[in-house]
């Protein structure tokens, strides 16, 4: 009887590995602390929540956050240039729940060209405070079926914690959405998502680092993430001044962008 009982318990563990291995309160708290909500401000001064952003690197001035390029605006396909966001004031808040929320001005560092599937945007927030970050990882260290953690703010309802799995490490066919963005080479995921989740980091539960960024859906059900190695490649190209799709916008004396 005891042997049979143990066999049943073992079978339960084998059938439900996700629920058991997903329990990692320390990881959840560290990721939550690094996640902020990206807001823009209109001419009237009103703030509108756009997307989710994650701090990934400490700089000499403060911290860098990554979100999605479509949270900034649309590509200029005539000139093959990324959205600039130059006329839009952006702010990041950690959405504090224990007091007044603080909004930190966020400077656009670079924006990826969405029509190449490079749906990334990097911001820098200047601060002398010490904040949490989530390091960049390598999606090639993952396997299909691996667990990922995602902290995002769908529908602007505040930071929420989601667990999911990688269903495909490499979308090996061209999938073009309604905006003309080709997601070939993307990650596919089984995870909850909604408007406002865009740009949020996909964190490996095993390696506890960022392996991609959530950017959209295919058919309303297949969640799409852009691999972190693609992000790192664009970031390096920008730093080396070899990313022709993004050029820092210089201003004229009257404050208008120079062509």
Protein backbone atom coordinates (compact mmCIF):
# COMPACT_ATOMS: atom_id res chain seq x y z
CA UNK A 1 0.00 0.00 0.00
CA UNK A 2 2.78 2.43 0.93
CA UNK A 3 4.61 1.67 -2.29
CA UNK A 4 1.46 2.37 -4.30
CA UNK A 5 0.91 5.64 -2.41
CA UNK A 6 4.47 6.77 -3.15
CA UNK A 7 3.97 5.92 -6.81
CA UNK A 8 0.89 8.14 -6.95
CA UNK A 9 2.77 11.03 -5.29
CA UNK A 10 5.65 10.63 -7.75
CA UNK A 11 3.20 10.67 -10.66
CA UNK A 12 1.68 13.93 -9.39
CA UNK A 13 5.14 15.54 -9.25
CA UNK A 14 5.89 14.41 -12.80
CA UNK A 15 2.57 15.69 -14.11
CA UNK A 16 2.86 19.14 -12.52
CA UNK A 17 6.50 20.24 -12.65
CA UNK A 18 5.59 23.82 -13.60
CA UNK A 19 3.63 24.68 -10.47
CA UNK A 20 6.33 23.28 -8.21
CA UNK A 21 9.47 24.70 -9.84
CA UNK A 22 7.87 28.10 -10.46
CA UNK A 23 8.00 28.96 -6.77
CA UNK A 24 10.85 31.42 -6.40
CA UNK A 25 9.86 34.37 -4.20
CA UNK A 26 13.37 35.87 -4.21
CA UNK A 27 13.46 35.99 -8.02
CA UNK A 28 9.97 37.47 -8.19
CA UNK A 29 10.86 40.25 -5.76
CA UNK A 30 14.15 41.11 -7.49
CA UNK A 31 12.46 41.33 -10.90
CA UNK A 32 9.52 43.32 -9.53
CA UNK A 33 11.91 45.90 -8.09
CA UNK A 34 13.59 46.39 -11.49
CA UNK A 35 10.34 46.78 -13.47
CA UNK A 36 8.81 50.17 -14.14
CA UNK A 37 5.85 51.53 -16.06
CA UNK A 38 6.58 53.78 -19.05
CA UNK A 39 4.44 56.92 -19.30
CA UNK A 40 4.29 59.76 -21.81
CA UNK A 41 3.04 63.29 -21.20
CA UNK A 42 0.80 65.22 -23.57
CA UNK A 43 0.57 68.96 -24.16
CA UNK A 44 -1.96 69.37 -21.35
CA UNK A 45 0.44 67.77 -18.89
CA UNK A 46 -1.59 64.57 -18.53
CA UNK A 47 0.33 61.30 -18.17
CA UNK A 48 -0.59 58.20 -20.13
CA UNK A 49 0.75 54.73 -19.41
CA UNK A 50 2.24 53.21 -22.57
CA UNK A 51 4.25 50.08 -21.82
CA UNK A 52 6.38 48.18 -19.34
CA UNK A 53 10.14 48.79 -18.96
CA UNK A 54 12.91 46.94 -17.09
CA UNK A 55 16.17 48.29 -15.66
CA UNK A 56 19.03 46.21 -17.03
CA UNK A 57 22.21 48.27 -16.62
CA UNK A 58 23.70 50.80 -14.20
CA UNK A 59 25.42 53.77 -15.87
CA UNK A 60 27.50 56.68 -14.67
CA UNK A 61 24.38 58.85 -14.64
CA UNK A 62 21.79 56.37 -13.43
CA UNK A 63 20.17 53.34 -15.05
CA UNK A 64 19.19 52.09 -18.49
CA UNK A 65 15.76 50.63 -19.10
CA UNK A 66 14.55 48.64 -22.09
CA UNK A 67 11.03 48.65 -23.51
CA UNK A 68 9.50 48.26 -26.99
CA UNK A 69 10.03 50.56 -29.98
CA UNK A 70 6.33 50.64 -30.80
CA UNK A 71 5.80 52.27 -27.40
CA UNK A 72 7.66 55.30 -28.83
CA UNK A 73 5.91 55.57 -32.20
CA UNK A 74 6.02 54.25 -35.77
CA UNK A 75 8.96 53.78 -38.12
CA UNK A 76 9.54 56.31 -40.86
CA UNK A 77 9.56 53.75 -43.66
CA UNK A 78 10.22 56.38 -46.36
CA UNK A 79 13.58 57.22 -44.78
CA UNK A 80 14.04 53.80 -43.14
CA UNK A 81 14.42 55.42 -39.74
CA UNK A 82 13.24 54.34 -36.30
CA UNK A 83 10.72 56.38 -34.34
CA UNK A 84 12.52 59.22 -32.58
CA UNK A 85 10.16 60.18 -29.77
CA UNK A 86 11.98 63.50 -29.69
CA UNK A 87 8.86 65.59 -29.07
CA UNK A 88 7.42 63.31 -26.37
CA UNK A 89 8.33 63.64 -22.68
CA UNK A 90 8.70 60.15 -21.18
CA UNK A 91 8.67 59.10 -17.54
CA UNK A 92 9.21 55.83 -15.70
CA UNK A 93 7.62 54.99 -12.37
CA UNK A 94 8.08 51.93 -10.19
CA UNK A 95 4.36 52.23 -9.42
CA UNK A 96 4.87 52.46 -5.68
CA UNK A 97 2.02 51.08 -3.61
CA UNK A 98 3.25 52.24 -0.19
CA UNK A 99 3.05 55.98 -0.80
CA UNK A 100 2.98 58.65 -3.51
CA UNK A 101 4.09 57.41 -6.90
CA UNK A 102 7.27 58.99 -8.26
CA UNK A 103 7.79 59.70 -11.95
CA UNK A 104 11.38 59.85 -13.19
CA UNK A 105 12.15 61.61 -16.46
CA UNK A 106 13.40 59.09 -19.02
CA UNK A 107 15.67 60.06 -21.91
CA UNK A 108 15.45 58.09 -25.17
CA UNK A 109 18.89 56.58 -25.89
CA UNK A 110 18.01 54.61 -29.01
CA UNK A 111 15.05 53.01 -30.78
CA UNK A 112 15.11 49.91 -32.98
CA UNK A 113 13.67 49.65 -36.48
CA UNK A 114 10.44 47.71 -36.07
CA UNK A 115 10.17 46.63 -39.71
CA UNK A 116 13.30 44.53 -39.18
CA UNK A 117 11.69 42.97 -36.10
CA UNK A 118 13.98 45.02 -33.82
CA UNK A 119 11.19 46.23 -31.58
CA UNK A 120 13.37 47.64 -28.78
CA UNK A 121 13.77 51.04 -27.14
CA UNK A 122 16.35 52.02 -24.54
CA UNK A 123 15.87 54.82 -22.02
CA UNK A 124 18.16 56.30 -19.38
CA UNK A 125 16.98 57.68 -16.06
CA UNK A 126 19.41 59.90 -14.16
CA UNK A 127 19.48 59.18 -10.43
CA UNK A 128 21.86 58.85 -7.50
CA UNK A 129 19.61 56.25 -5.90
CA UNK A 130 20.43 52.53 -5.93
CA UNK A 131 17.94 50.52 -7.95
CA UNK A 132 17.60 46.85 -8.85
CA UNK A 133 18.48 45.54 -12.32
CA UNK A 134 17.96 42.26 -14.17
CA UNK A 135 21.03 41.16 -16.19
CA UNK A 136 20.91 40.26 -19.86
CA UNK A 137 21.22 36.55 -20.57
CA UNK A 138 21.33 34.27 -23.62
CA UNK A 139 18.21 32.64 -25.05
CA UNK A 140 20.42 29.94 -26.60
CA UNK A 141 20.92 28.52 -23.10
CA UNK A 142 17.18 27.80 -22.89
CA UNK A 143 15.16 24.86 -24.17
CA UNK A 144 11.62 24.70 -25.48
CA UNK A 145 9.36 24.15 -22.52
CA UNK A 146 11.63 26.14 -20.20
CA UNK A 147 9.92 28.38 -17.69
CA UNK A 148 9.99 32.14 -17.88
CA UNK A 149 8.91 34.83 -15.43
CA UNK A 150 7.30 38.04 -16.63
CA UNK A 151 6.40 41.11 -14.58
CA UNK A 152 4.26 43.52 -16.57
CA UNK A 153 1.36 45.95 -16.30
CA UNK A 154 -1.34 44.84 -18.76
CA UNK A 155 -4.10 47.41 -19.20
CA UNK A 156 -2.22 49.72 -16.84
CA UNK A 157 -3.49 47.81 -13.79
CA UNK A 158 -0.13 47.85 -12.04
CA UNK A 159 2.70 45.35 -11.85
CA UNK A 160 1.55 41.75 -12.05
CA UNK A 161 3.55 38.50 -11.96
CA UNK A 162 3.13 35.88 -14.68
CA UNK A 163 4.75 32.50 -15.31
CA UNK A 164 4.86 30.84 -18.71
CA UNK A 165 6.84 28.56 -20.99
CA UNK A 166 8.82 28.88 -24.20
CA UNK A 167 6.91 27.03 -26.92
CA UNK A 168 9.39 27.80 -29.72
CA UNK A 169 12.92 29.19 -29.56
CA UNK A 170 13.00 30.25 -33.20
CA UNK A 171 10.07 31.14 -35.42
CA UNK A 172 11.60 29.86 -38.66
CA UNK A 173 9.15 31.44 -41.10
CA UNK A 174 8.29 35.05 -41.99
CA UNK A 175 5.26 36.31 -40.07
CA UNK A 176 4.29 39.87 -41.02
CA UNK A 177 1.77 41.66 -38.82
CA UNK A 178 -0.61 44.44 -39.85
CA UNK A 179 2.10 47.09 -39.42
CA UNK A 180 4.49 45.32 -41.79
CA UNK A 181 6.74 44.03 -39.00
CA UNK A 182 8.42 40.71 -39.74
CA UNK A 183 8.79 38.56 -36.62
CA UNK A 184 10.88 35.79 -38.19
CA UNK A 185 13.38 34.44 -35.65
CA UNK A 186 11.23 35.44 -32.67
CA UNK A 187 10.46 33.44 -29.53
CA UNK A 188 6.94 32.05 -29.11
CA UNK A 189 5.52 31.78 -25.62
CA UNK A 190 2.63 30.44 -23.60
CA UNK A 191 1.98 33.27 -21.15
CA UNK A 192 -0.70 35.80 -20.29
CA UNK A 193 -0.29 39.22 -21.88
CA UNK A 194 -2.29 42.30 -22.77
CA UNK A 195 -1.94 45.94 -23.87
CA UNK A 196 0.65 47.56 -21.62
CA UNK A 197 2.75 44.39 -21.34
CA UNK A 198 4.76 45.34 -24.43
CA UNK A 199 8.48 45.76 -23.79
CA UNK A 200 8.44 43.72 -20.59
CA UNK A 201 11.37 41.40 -19.94
CA UNK A 202 11.09 37.63 -20.26
CA UNK A 203 13.22 36.25 -17.43
CA UNK A 204 14.61 32.73 -17.33
CA UNK A 205 13.55 31.02 -14.11
CA UNK A 206 16.57 28.71 -14.27
CA UNK A 207 19.25 31.27 -15.14
CA UNK A 208 17.55 34.33 -13.59
CA UNK A 209 18.38 36.67 -16.46
CA UNK A 210 16.62 38.28 -19.41
CA UNK A 211 16.24 36.03 -22.46
CA UNK A 212 13.87 38.22 -24.49
CA UNK A 213 11.25 40.96 -24.54
CA UNK A 214 7.50 40.64 -25.05
CA UNK A 215 6.28 42.62 -28.07
CA UNK A 216 2.98 41.26 -29.40
CA UNK A 217 0.78 38.37 -30.46
CA UNK A 218 0.13 36.31 -33.56
CA UNK A 219 -3.51 35.43 -34.07
CA UNK A 220 -4.31 36.78 -30.64
CA UNK A 221 -3.02 33.64 -28.90
CA UNK A 222 0.64 33.09 -29.74
CA UNK A 223 2.70 35.50 -27.64
CA UNK A 224 5.80 36.87 -29.39
CA UNK A 225 9.10 37.76 -27.77
CA UNK A 226 12.21 39.14 -29.46
CA UNK A 227 15.38 37.27 -28.35
CA UNK A 228 17.83 39.08 -26.10
CA UNK A 229 20.78 38.31 -28.39
CA UNK A 230 19.10 40.34 -31.11
CA UNK A 231 18.75 43.19 -28.64
CA UNK A 232 22.44 42.95 -27.73
CA UNK A 233 23.40 43.00 -31.43
CA UNK A 234 21.43 46.22 -32.04
CA UNK A 235 22.78 47.80 -28.85
CA UNK A 236 26.35 47.10 -29.99
CA UNK A 237 25.65 48.43 -33.50
CA UNK A 238 24.27 51.66 -32.01
CA UNK A 239 27.31 52.07 -29.75
CA UNK A 240 29.61 51.45 -32.74
CA UNK A 241 27.61 53.98 -34.81
CA UNK A 242 26.78 51.25 -37.33
CA UNK A 243 23.00 51.16 -36.90
CA UNK A 244 21.74 53.27 -39.79
CA UNK A 245 18.08 53.05 -38.73
CA UNK A 246 18.63 55.20 -35.63
CA UNK A 247 20.32 58.55 -35.52
CA UNK A 248 20.29 60.80 -32.45
CA UNK A 249 18.15 63.81 -33.26
CA UNK A 250 19.92 67.17 -33.03
CA UNK A 251 17.79 70.22 -32.35
CA UNK A 252 17.71 73.58 -34.09
CA UNK A 253 17.93 76.73 -31.93
CA UNK A 254 14.12 76.93 -31.95
CA UNK A 255 13.85 73.39 -30.57
CA UNK A 256 12.71 71.72 -33.79
CA UNK A 257 14.49 68.56 -35.00
CA UNK A 258 17.24 69.01 -37.58
CA UNK A 259 16.84 67.02 -40.78
